[in-house]
Amino acid sequence: MGFGDLRSASGLKVLNDFLSERSYIEGYVPSQADVAVFDAISSPPSADLCHALRWYNHIKSYQSQKNSLPGVKKPLGQYGPAGVADTTSGSAPAAASKEDDDDDMDLFGSDDEDDAEAARLKEERLAEYAAKKAKKPTLIAKSSILLDVKPWDDETDMAKLEECVRSIQMDGLVWGQSKLVPVGYGIKKLQIGCVVEDDKVGTDILEEHITAFEDYVQSMDVAAFNKI
C-alpha cells in the first residue's frame, strides 16, 4: 500500500484518484491517517487534481486540532491503494534552498506550539464561562399571598388598620391591592395581597408583624398562596 512519492506529481495523482471516491484517507471523519498523509505533502495539489486539493484544503482547516483528531498515526506505507509502494522521502535534502524549506514547512506547526495554543484556548474558554456564570442572575423564588386581616368589631377604623398593615416594610416584601370584604354583623375584613421573596419573608413573620397592631387586628389568615 502507498501513494508512491507524495512529493511528486505522480504521487499526488495517485492520491487524487484514491480520494475520488472517498472523503478521507480512512473512515468517514478526519483522523490521524489524514494528518500523516498531509504532513508528507510538500505543497498543495494543483487545481486539476480536484479531489486531492479539496481534501488538502479541508484537512488544512483542522490545523489547530491536529493532535485531537482520532486514530493512531501509522507509516505512509499502510495507507493508500493496494499495489502501490510508498516512496515518499522522509525529509528535505540538507542543501535545500530557502524556498524548499518553506515548501517543506509543517503547515500544522510543532506539537509544542499546538499544545500551547490548545492550553491558551482552554484557559480563555474557562474564563469566558466563569464570566458568563458570574453575570447570570440567580433565580429568586417568589410567592403571591392573599391575606385576610380581621378587626375586633364593626367599630374598628379599617382605614387605620390598612395603614398599619402597609406600614410593615421588609426586604423582599411588596404590598399589592386590597379591598374590604363583609363577614357579617356589619363587620368587614381587610383582604390584601402581597408578593414576597420566599427566602426572606414567610407567612409566620407576616402574621407576627400584623397581629402586633392589637388595637385594630384580631387575627390574620392566609386566603391564598401561590408560587410565582
Protein backbone atom coordinates (compact mmCIF):
# COMPACT_ATOMS: atom_id res chain seq x y z
CA MET A 1 0.00 0.00 0.00
CA GLY A 2 1.05 3.58 -0.51
CA PHE A 3 0.80 6.56 -2.83
CA GLY A 4 4.23 6.41 -4.42
CA ASP A 5 6.13 9.65 -3.86
CA LEU A 6 3.71 12.20 -2.40
CA ARG A 7 6.26 14.95 -3.07
CA SER A 8 5.93 14.35 -6.80
CA ALA A 9 3.17 14.95 -9.35
CA SER A 10 2.77 11.20 -9.88
CA GLY A 11 2.23 10.58 -6.18
CA LEU A 12 -0.35 13.37 -5.94
CA LYS A 13 -2.11 11.86 -8.97
CA VAL A 14 -2.39 8.55 -7.12
CA LEU A 15 -3.74 10.42 -4.08
CA ASN A 16 -6.27 12.27 -6.26
CA ASP A 17 -7.56 9.02 -7.78
CA PHE A 18 -7.73 7.45 -4.32
CA LEU A 19 -9.83 10.34 -2.99
CA SER A 20 -12.18 10.43 -5.98
CA GLU A 21 -14.46 8.03 -4.11
CA ARG A 22 -13.51 8.95 -0.55
CA SER A 23 -13.76 11.99 1.71
CA TYR A 24 -10.87 10.95 3.96
CA ILE A 25 -7.86 8.62 3.90
CA GLU A 26 -9.61 6.29 6.33
CA GLY A 27 -13.18 6.22 7.59
CA TYR A 28 -15.75 9.00 7.48
CA VAL A 29 -14.20 11.67 9.70
CA PRO A 30 -10.81 13.43 9.78
CA SER A 31 -8.25 11.27 11.60
CA GLN A 32 -4.55 10.78 12.22
CA ALA A 33 -4.43 8.99 8.85
CA ASP A 34 -5.22 12.30 7.15
CA VAL A 35 -2.61 14.07 9.27
CA ALA A 36 0.07 11.53 8.31
CA VAL A 37 -0.57 11.91 4.58
CA PHE A 38 -0.98 15.69 4.81
CA ASP A 39 2.37 16.01 6.61
CA ALA A 40 4.07 14.12 3.78
CA ILE A 41 2.90 16.54 1.08
CA SER A 42 5.32 19.38 0.36
CA SER A 43 2.89 21.68 -1.47
CA PRO A 44 -0.83 21.92 -2.25
CA PRO A 45 -2.04 19.75 -5.15
CA SER A 46 -2.63 21.57 -8.43
CA ALA A 47 -6.13 22.67 -9.44
CA ASP A 48 -6.52 19.82 -11.94
CA LEU A 49 -6.22 17.34 -9.06
CA CYS A 50 -9.57 18.49 -7.70
CA HIS A 51 -10.19 15.61 -5.29
CA ALA A 52 -6.76 15.86 -3.70
CA LEU A 53 -6.98 19.66 -3.50
CA ARG A 54 -10.42 19.52 -1.92
CA TRP A 55 -9.15 17.07 0.70
CA TYR A 56 -5.94 19.08 1.27
CA ASN A 57 -7.79 22.34 1.97
CA HIS A 58 -10.27 20.57 4.22
CA ILE A 59 -7.59 18.89 6.35
CA LYS A 60 -5.62 22.14 6.48
CA SER A 61 -8.64 23.73 8.21
CA TYR A 62 -8.04 21.32 11.14
CA GLN A 63 -4.62 22.82 11.84
CA SER A 64 -5.39 23.78 15.44
CA GLN A 65 -6.99 20.38 16.13
CA LYS A 66 -4.23 18.17 14.75
CA ASN A 67 -3.44 16.36 17.99
CA SER A 68 -7.07 15.83 18.97
CA LEU A 69 -8.13 14.00 15.79
CA PRO A 70 -9.00 10.34 16.37
CA GLY A 71 -6.89 7.34 15.43
CA VAL A 72 -3.18 6.49 15.57
CA LYS A 73 -0.70 7.77 13.00
CA LYS A 74 0.84 4.88 11.03
CA PRO A 75 3.62 4.72 8.42
CA LEU A 76 2.62 6.04 4.99
CA GLY A 77 3.01 2.56 3.54
CA GLN A 78 -0.10 1.48 5.45
CA TYR A 79 -2.35 3.97 3.67
CA GLY A 80 -3.48 4.21 0.05
CA PRO A 81 -4.36 1.80 -2.73
CA ALA A 82 -3.05 -1.76 -2.79
CA GLY A 83 -0.23 -2.48 -5.17
CA VAL A 84 1.42 0.95 -4.83
CA ALA A 85 4.52 1.26 -2.66
CA ASP A 86 5.37 4.32 -0.62
CA THR A 87 8.50 6.06 -1.88
CA THR A 88 8.00 9.45 -0.23
CA SER A 89 11.28 10.84 1.09
CA GLY A 90 11.38 11.31 4.84
CA SER A 91 12.93 14.78 4.85
CA ALA A 92 14.17 17.52 2.58
CA PRO A 93 17.86 17.47 1.45
CA ALA A 94 20.29 19.27 3.71
CA ALA A 95 21.30 21.65 0.93
CA ALA A 96 17.75 22.67 0.16
CA SER A 97 17.13 26.31 -0.63
CA LYS A 98 15.08 28.69 1.50
CA GLU A 99 12.18 28.18 -0.90
CA ASP A 100 12.38 24.41 -0.40
CA ASP A 101 12.43 24.95 3.35
CA ASP A 102 9.26 27.00 3.06
CA ASP A 103 7.62 24.27 0.96
CA ASP A 104 8.58 21.56 3.46
CA MET A 105 7.32 23.53 6.44
CA ASP A 106 4.81 21.63 8.56
CA LEU A 107 1.62 23.57 8.00
CA PHE A 108 0.22 22.17 11.22
CA GLY A 109 3.04 23.67 13.31
CA SER A 110 5.02 21.91 16.04
CA ASP A 111 3.45 19.82 18.75
CA ASP A 112 4.72 22.28 21.36
CA GLU A 113 3.03 25.17 19.58
CA ASP A 114 -0.20 23.18 19.27
CA ASP A 115 -0.12 22.25 22.96
CA ALA A 116 0.48 25.87 23.98
CA GLU A 117 -2.28 27.12 21.72
CA ALA A 118 -4.69 24.46 22.98
CA ALA A 119 -3.89 25.39 26.58
CA ARG A 120 -4.41 29.08 25.83
CA LEU A 121 -7.76 28.45 24.14
CA LYS A 122 -8.86 26.25 27.05
CA GLU A 123 -7.98 28.96 29.56
CA GLU A 124 -9.84 31.58 27.51
CA ARG A 125 -12.95 29.41 27.28
CA LEU A 126 -12.89 28.66 31.00
CA ALA A 127 -12.54 32.37 31.75
CA GLU A 128 -15.42 33.21 29.40
CA TYR A 129 -17.59 30.53 31.02
CA ALA A 130 -16.79 31.80 34.52
CA ALA A 131 -17.59 35.38 33.48
CA LYS A 132 -20.93 34.37 31.96
CA LYS A 133 -21.82 32.31 35.01
CA ALA A 134 -20.98 35.23 37.30
CA LYS A 135 -23.20 37.56 35.27
CA LYS A 136 -26.09 35.12 35.10
CA PRO A 137 -28.79 36.32 37.51
CA THR A 138 -29.68 33.99 40.35
CA LEU A 139 -33.25 32.74 40.21
CA ILE A 140 -35.20 34.27 43.10
CA ALA A 141 -38.14 32.19 44.35
CA LYS A 142 -41.22 34.36 44.96
CA SER A 143 -44.79 33.80 46.11
CA SER A 144 -48.04 35.69 45.77
CA ILE A 145 -50.01 35.73 49.03
CA LEU A 146 -53.57 36.92 49.74
CA LEU A 147 -54.17 37.76 53.41
CA ASP A 148 -57.38 38.13 55.38
CA VAL A 149 -56.93 40.59 58.25
CA LYS A 150 -59.88 40.61 60.68
CA PRO A 151 -60.73 43.52 63.03
CA TRP A 152 -62.19 43.24 66.50
CA ASP A 153 -65.63 44.63 65.67
CA ASP A 154 -67.62 46.88 63.38
CA GLU A 155 -66.29 49.98 65.11
CA THR A 156 -62.66 49.33 64.16
CA ASP A 157 -61.21 52.01 61.89
CA MET A 158 -60.49 49.90 58.81
CA ALA A 159 -58.61 52.72 57.06
CA LYS A 160 -56.27 52.91 60.03
CA LEU A 161 -55.97 49.11 60.11
CA GLU A 162 -54.88 49.05 56.46
CA GLU A 163 -52.45 51.90 57.09
CA CYS A 164 -50.88 49.89 59.88
CA VAL A 165 -50.57 46.79 57.71
CA ARG A 166 -48.98 48.69 54.83
CA SER A 167 -46.55 50.33 57.24
CA ILE A 168 -44.83 46.96 57.57
CA GLN A 169 -41.75 47.23 55.35
CA MET A 170 -39.29 44.37 54.88
CA ASP A 171 -36.70 43.43 52.30
CA GLY A 172 -38.44 41.06 49.91
CA LEU A 173 -41.98 42.29 50.63
CA VAL A 174 -44.18 44.27 48.21
CA TRP A 175 -47.77 45.11 49.09
CA GLY A 176 -50.45 44.89 46.42
CA GLN A 177 -54.12 45.70 46.04
CA SER A 178 -56.65 45.46 48.83
CA LYS A 179 -60.38 45.54 49.47
CA LEU A 180 -62.86 45.31 52.33
CA VAL A 181 -64.93 42.12 52.39
CA PRO A 182 -68.11 41.81 54.55
CA VAL A 183 -68.04 38.96 57.08
CA GLY A 184 -71.38 39.60 58.86
CA TYR A 185 -72.97 41.77 61.52
CA GLY A 186 -71.61 44.89 59.81
CA ILE A 187 -68.03 43.71 60.24
CA LYS A 188 -65.66 43.83 57.29
CA LYS A 189 -62.26 42.22 56.96
CA LEU A 190 -59.29 43.62 55.04
CA GLN A 191 -58.23 41.38 52.18
CA ILE A 192 -54.80 42.45 50.94
CA GLY A 193 -52.33 40.92 48.54
CA CYS A 194 -48.54 40.92 48.60
CA VAL A 195 -45.57 39.41 46.79
CA VAL A 196 -42.72 38.03 48.88
CA GLU A 197 -39.29 36.55 48.27
CA ASP A 198 -39.52 33.12 49.84
CA ASP A 199 -36.02 33.19 51.35
CA LYS A 200 -36.69 36.49 53.10
CA VAL A 201 -40.37 36.68 54.08
CA GLY A 202 -42.74 33.96 55.28
CA THR A 203 -46.34 33.88 56.44
CA ASP A 204 -45.27 33.42 60.07
CA ILE A 205 -43.31 36.67 60.17
CA LEU A 206 -46.15 38.50 58.39
CA GLU A 207 -48.63 37.26 60.96
CA GLU A 208 -46.33 38.27 63.80
CA HIS A 209 -45.98 41.83 62.49
CA ILE A 210 -49.64 42.30 61.54
CA THR A 211 -51.14 40.97 64.78
CA ALA A 212 -48.75 43.22 66.69
CA PHE A 213 -51.25 46.01 65.90
CA GLU A 214 -53.51 44.51 68.55
CA ASP A 215 -55.69 47.63 68.91
CA TYR A 216 -57.03 47.04 65.41
CA VAL A 217 -56.25 43.42 64.44
CA GLN A 218 -57.94 40.39 65.92
CA SER A 219 -56.34 37.78 63.63
CA MET A 220 -54.72 37.12 60.26
CA ASP A 221 -55.31 34.20 57.91
CA VAL A 222 -53.79 33.17 54.59
CA ALA A 223 -56.57 33.15 51.97
CA ALA A 224 -54.41 32.13 49.04
CA PHE A 225 -50.75 31.22 48.48
CA ASN A 226 -49.23 30.73 45.03
CA LYS A 227 -45.64 30.27 43.87
CA ILE A 228 -44.60 32.66 41.12
